[in-house]
Amino acid sequence: MLGRIKEKIQKVLNANAKIAIRLGITPSMMGLLGLAFAASASTTYYLSDESPVLLYLAGFLVLASGLCDALDGSIARLTGRVSKIGAFMDSMLDRYSEAFILCGIILGGLVELSWGLFALVGSLLVSYARARGESLDVEMLGIGIMERAERLLIISFASFLRILNPAIIAVAILTHLTVLQRILHVERALSKDSS
């Protein structure tokens, strides 16, 4: 969903990416920074029972991780460093980042274990469905209601509002619905090609 409005915020991202470029930050550095923010968020969620303030901090760290993810692509495009290996590494870092965040929430006891694991599996399968669809030359951008940006925003704002358990349940259900949407999209696209 948010992938469809990305063009509208691309100017803002490009402006910030230009600042990062002037500071000498490469796409890889930005990707690793995003991973570091995600790992920090994970640790913060895990420790959040010690202080309610840590939940707010974790929410900001999740937003920072998502911003880094958006900026690394902008930096790559503006500096002409777009490459297949770069896209592959970015995708891998994104999966680790999201897994860190969800594992921190699960291990911190902020969500029921079964729902947390269901959300983790769903989040990974959403990305896998896109990758497999694209490997079959099917356009996957904007397909499904729960892409990565939506997931991170929900988790972040649920942290601010201290409603992580229902938010993660929603993420769990909607990620698997998104997987189904992508399966059906690929099936329709491939059926057209074969007819």
Protein backbone atom coordinates (compact mmCIF):
# COMPACT_ATOMS: atom_id res chain seq x y z
CA MET A 1 0.00 0.00 0.00
CA LEU A 2 2.60 2.55 1.06
CA GLY A 3 4.75 1.48 -1.87
CA ARG A 4 2.19 3.21 -4.10
CA ILE A 5 2.67 6.60 -2.47
CA LYS A 6 6.45 6.31 -2.25
CA GLU A 7 6.83 8.62 -5.25
CA LYS A 8 5.12 11.39 -3.28
CA ILE A 9 7.67 11.21 -0.49
CA GLN A 10 10.66 10.46 -2.72
CA LYS A 11 11.59 14.15 -2.91
CA VAL A 12 11.87 14.30 0.86
CA LEU A 13 13.92 11.11 0.91
CA ASN A 14 16.19 12.43 -1.85
CA ALA A 15 16.81 15.65 0.07
CA ASN A 16 17.85 13.66 3.13
CA ALA A 17 19.86 11.25 1.00
CA LYS A 18 21.82 14.20 -0.46
CA ILE A 19 22.74 15.29 3.06
CA ALA A 20 23.88 11.73 3.86
CA ILE A 21 25.95 11.66 0.65
CA ARG A 22 27.66 14.93 1.62
CA LEU A 23 28.52 13.31 4.95
CA GLY A 24 30.16 10.43 3.09
CA ILE A 25 27.51 7.82 3.97
CA THR A 26 27.26 4.97 1.47
CA PRO A 27 24.20 2.77 0.83
CA SER A 28 25.90 -0.10 2.69
CA MET A 29 26.63 2.11 5.68
CA MET A 30 23.01 3.28 5.78
CA GLY A 31 21.78 -0.32 5.55
CA LEU A 32 24.02 -1.38 8.42
CA LEU A 33 22.87 1.63 10.45
CA GLY A 34 19.27 0.50 9.92
CA LEU A 35 20.22 -2.97 11.14
CA ALA A 36 21.88 -1.43 14.21
CA PHE A 37 18.72 0.56 14.98
CA ALA A 38 16.64 -2.62 14.62
CA ALA A 39 18.95 -4.57 16.93
CA SER A 40 18.79 -1.72 19.44
CA ALA A 41 14.99 -1.73 19.21
CA SER A 42 15.00 -5.48 19.82
CA THR A 43 17.10 -5.10 22.96
CA THR A 44 14.94 -2.20 24.12
CA TYR A 45 11.74 -4.22 23.70
CA TYR A 46 13.31 -7.09 25.61
CA LEU A 47 14.21 -4.78 28.51
CA SER A 48 11.03 -2.68 28.39
CA ASP A 49 9.46 -4.26 31.47
CA GLU A 50 12.11 -2.44 33.50
CA SER A 51 10.84 0.98 32.40
CA PRO A 52 7.76 2.05 30.38
CA VAL A 53 9.86 4.76 28.74
CA LEU A 54 11.80 2.06 26.91
CA LEU A 55 8.72 1.23 24.82
CA TYR A 56 8.68 4.77 23.46
CA LEU A 57 12.39 4.56 22.71
CA ALA A 58 11.87 1.24 20.92
CA GLY A 59 9.16 2.83 18.79
CA PHE A 60 11.53 5.60 17.71
CA LEU A 61 14.28 3.06 16.97
CA VAL A 62 11.89 1.11 14.72
CA LEU A 63 11.06 4.31 12.83
CA ALA A 64 14.78 5.11 12.51
CA SER A 65 15.44 1.64 11.12
CA GLY A 66 12.68 2.06 8.54
CA LEU A 67 13.99 5.49 7.55
CA CYS A 68 17.47 4.05 7.00
CA ASP A 69 15.94 1.37 4.80
CA ALA A 70 14.24 4.00 2.66
CA LEU A 71 17.37 6.16 2.49
CA ASP A 72 19.83 3.46 1.46
CA GLY A 73 17.97 2.96 -1.82
CA SER A 74 17.82 6.71 -2.44
CA ILE A 75 21.54 7.07 -1.77
CA ALA A 76 22.28 4.18 -4.17
CA ARG A 77 20.20 5.75 -6.95
CA LEU A 78 21.62 9.26 -6.50
CA THR A 79 25.23 8.02 -6.46
CA GLY A 80 24.80 5.50 -9.28
CA ARG A 81 25.59 2.58 -6.96
CA VAL A 82 22.49 0.54 -7.78
CA SER A 83 23.53 -3.08 -8.26
CA LYS A 84 22.10 -6.57 -7.99
CA ILE A 85 24.37 -7.44 -5.07
CA GLY A 86 23.37 -4.21 -3.35
CA ALA A 87 19.68 -5.03 -3.76
CA PHE A 88 20.31 -8.55 -2.48
CA MET A 89 22.21 -7.36 0.58
CA ASP A 90 19.56 -4.70 1.30
CA SER A 91 16.86 -7.36 1.22
CA MET A 92 18.83 -9.61 3.58
CA LEU A 93 19.45 -6.77 6.04
CA ASP A 94 15.73 -5.94 5.95
CA ARG A 95 14.81 -9.52 6.88
CA TYR A 96 17.29 -9.55 9.76
CA SER A 97 16.06 -6.15 10.95
CA GLU A 98 12.45 -7.21 11.04
CA ALA A 99 13.27 -10.53 12.68
CA PHE A 100 15.28 -8.70 15.37
CA ILE A 101 12.38 -6.37 16.12
CA LEU A 102 9.76 -9.11 16.33
CA CYS A 103 12.01 -11.39 18.37
CA GLY A 104 12.62 -8.58 20.85
CA ILE A 105 8.87 -8.08 21.21
CA ILE A 106 8.29 -11.83 21.63
CA LEU A 107 11.14 -12.40 24.10
CA GLY A 108 10.14 -9.28 26.01
CA GLY A 109 6.74 -10.86 26.66
CA LEU A 110 4.93 -8.00 24.93
CA VAL A 111 2.82 -10.34 22.79
CA GLU A 112 1.42 -13.83 23.17
CA LEU A 113 4.04 -16.29 21.91
CA SER A 114 1.82 -17.95 19.30
CA TRP A 115 0.76 -14.63 17.77
CA GLY A 116 4.32 -13.32 17.82
CA LEU A 117 5.60 -16.36 15.95
CA PHE A 118 2.66 -16.19 13.53
CA ALA A 119 3.54 -12.55 12.79
CA LEU A 120 7.24 -13.38 12.34
CA VAL A 121 6.48 -16.17 9.87
CA GLY A 122 3.96 -13.98 8.03
CA SER A 123 6.41 -11.10 7.74
CA LEU A 124 9.09 -13.34 6.27
CA LEU A 125 6.63 -15.00 3.87
CA VAL A 126 5.38 -11.63 2.57
CA SER A 127 8.92 -10.83 1.46
CA TYR A 128 9.51 -14.35 0.14
CA ALA A 129 6.30 -14.21 -1.91
CA ARG A 130 7.44 -10.96 -3.50
CA ALA A 131 10.92 -12.33 -4.25
CA ARG A 132 9.54 -15.51 -5.82
CA GLY A 133 6.98 -13.57 -7.83
CA GLU A 134 9.63 -11.20 -9.16
CA SER A 135 11.88 -14.15 -10.01
CA LEU A 136 9.05 -15.28 -12.31
CA ASP A 137 8.97 -11.81 -13.91
CA VAL A 138 5.71 -10.83 -12.19
CA GLU A 139 5.43 -7.18 -11.06
CA MET A 140 4.91 -7.26 -7.28
CA LEU A 141 5.23 -3.62 -6.18
CA GLY A 142 2.25 -2.52 -4.11
CA ILE A 143 0.61 -5.95 -4.07
CA GLY A 144 -0.93 -6.68 -0.68
CA ILE A 145 -2.14 -4.65 2.26
CA MET A 146 0.74 -5.29 4.67
CA GLU A 147 4.13 -4.50 3.14
CA ARG A 148 7.20 -3.82 5.26
CA ALA A 149 6.59 -0.09 5.67
CA GLU A 150 3.10 -0.71 7.03
CA ARG A 151 4.37 -3.33 9.45
CA LEU A 152 7.05 -1.04 10.85
CA LEU A 153 4.62 1.87 11.21
CA ILE A 154 2.08 -0.27 13.04
CA ILE A 155 4.72 -1.66 15.40
CA SER A 156 6.18 1.78 16.05
CA PHE A 157 2.89 3.54 16.79
CA ALA A 158 1.64 0.57 18.82
CA SER A 159 4.78 1.02 20.94
CA PHE A 160 3.95 4.68 21.54
CA LEU A 161 0.36 3.74 22.48
CA ARG A 162 1.43 0.69 24.51
CA ILE A 163 -0.87 -1.65 22.57
CA LEU A 164 1.66 -4.06 21.09
CA ASN A 165 -0.25 -7.29 21.71
CA PRO A 166 -3.32 -6.37 19.59
CA ALA A 167 -1.07 -4.67 17.02
CA ILE A 168 1.06 -7.78 16.55
CA ILE A 169 -2.09 -9.91 16.28
CA ALA A 170 -3.25 -7.56 13.49
CA VAL A 171 0.17 -7.80 11.81
CA ALA A 172 0.03 -11.60 12.06
CA ILE A 173 -3.37 -11.83 10.40
CA LEU A 174 -2.74 -9.18 7.75
CA THR A 175 0.68 -10.50 6.72
CA HIS A 176 -0.79 -13.91 5.94
CA LEU A 177 -3.64 -12.21 4.07
CA THR A 178 -0.98 -10.33 2.09
CA VAL A 179 0.77 -13.61 1.27
CA LEU A 180 -2.54 -14.94 -0.05
CA GLN A 181 -3.06 -11.77 -2.11
CA ARG A 182 0.40 -12.19 -3.63
CA ILE A 183 -0.15 -15.87 -4.37
CA LEU A 184 -3.38 -15.05 -6.19
CA HIS A 185 -1.71 -12.15 -8.04
CA VAL A 186 1.12 -14.38 -9.27
CA GLU A 187 -1.32 -17.13 -10.23
CA ARG A 188 -3.41 -14.69 -12.29
CA ALA A 189 -0.34 -13.18 -13.96
CA LEU A 190 1.13 -16.54 -14.89
CA SER A 191 -2.25 -17.81 -16.09
CA LYS A 192 -2.49 -14.86 -18.50
CA ASP A 193 1.00 -15.58 -19.81
CA SER A 194 0.19 -19.24 -20.47
CA SER A 195 -3.14 -18.58 -22.18
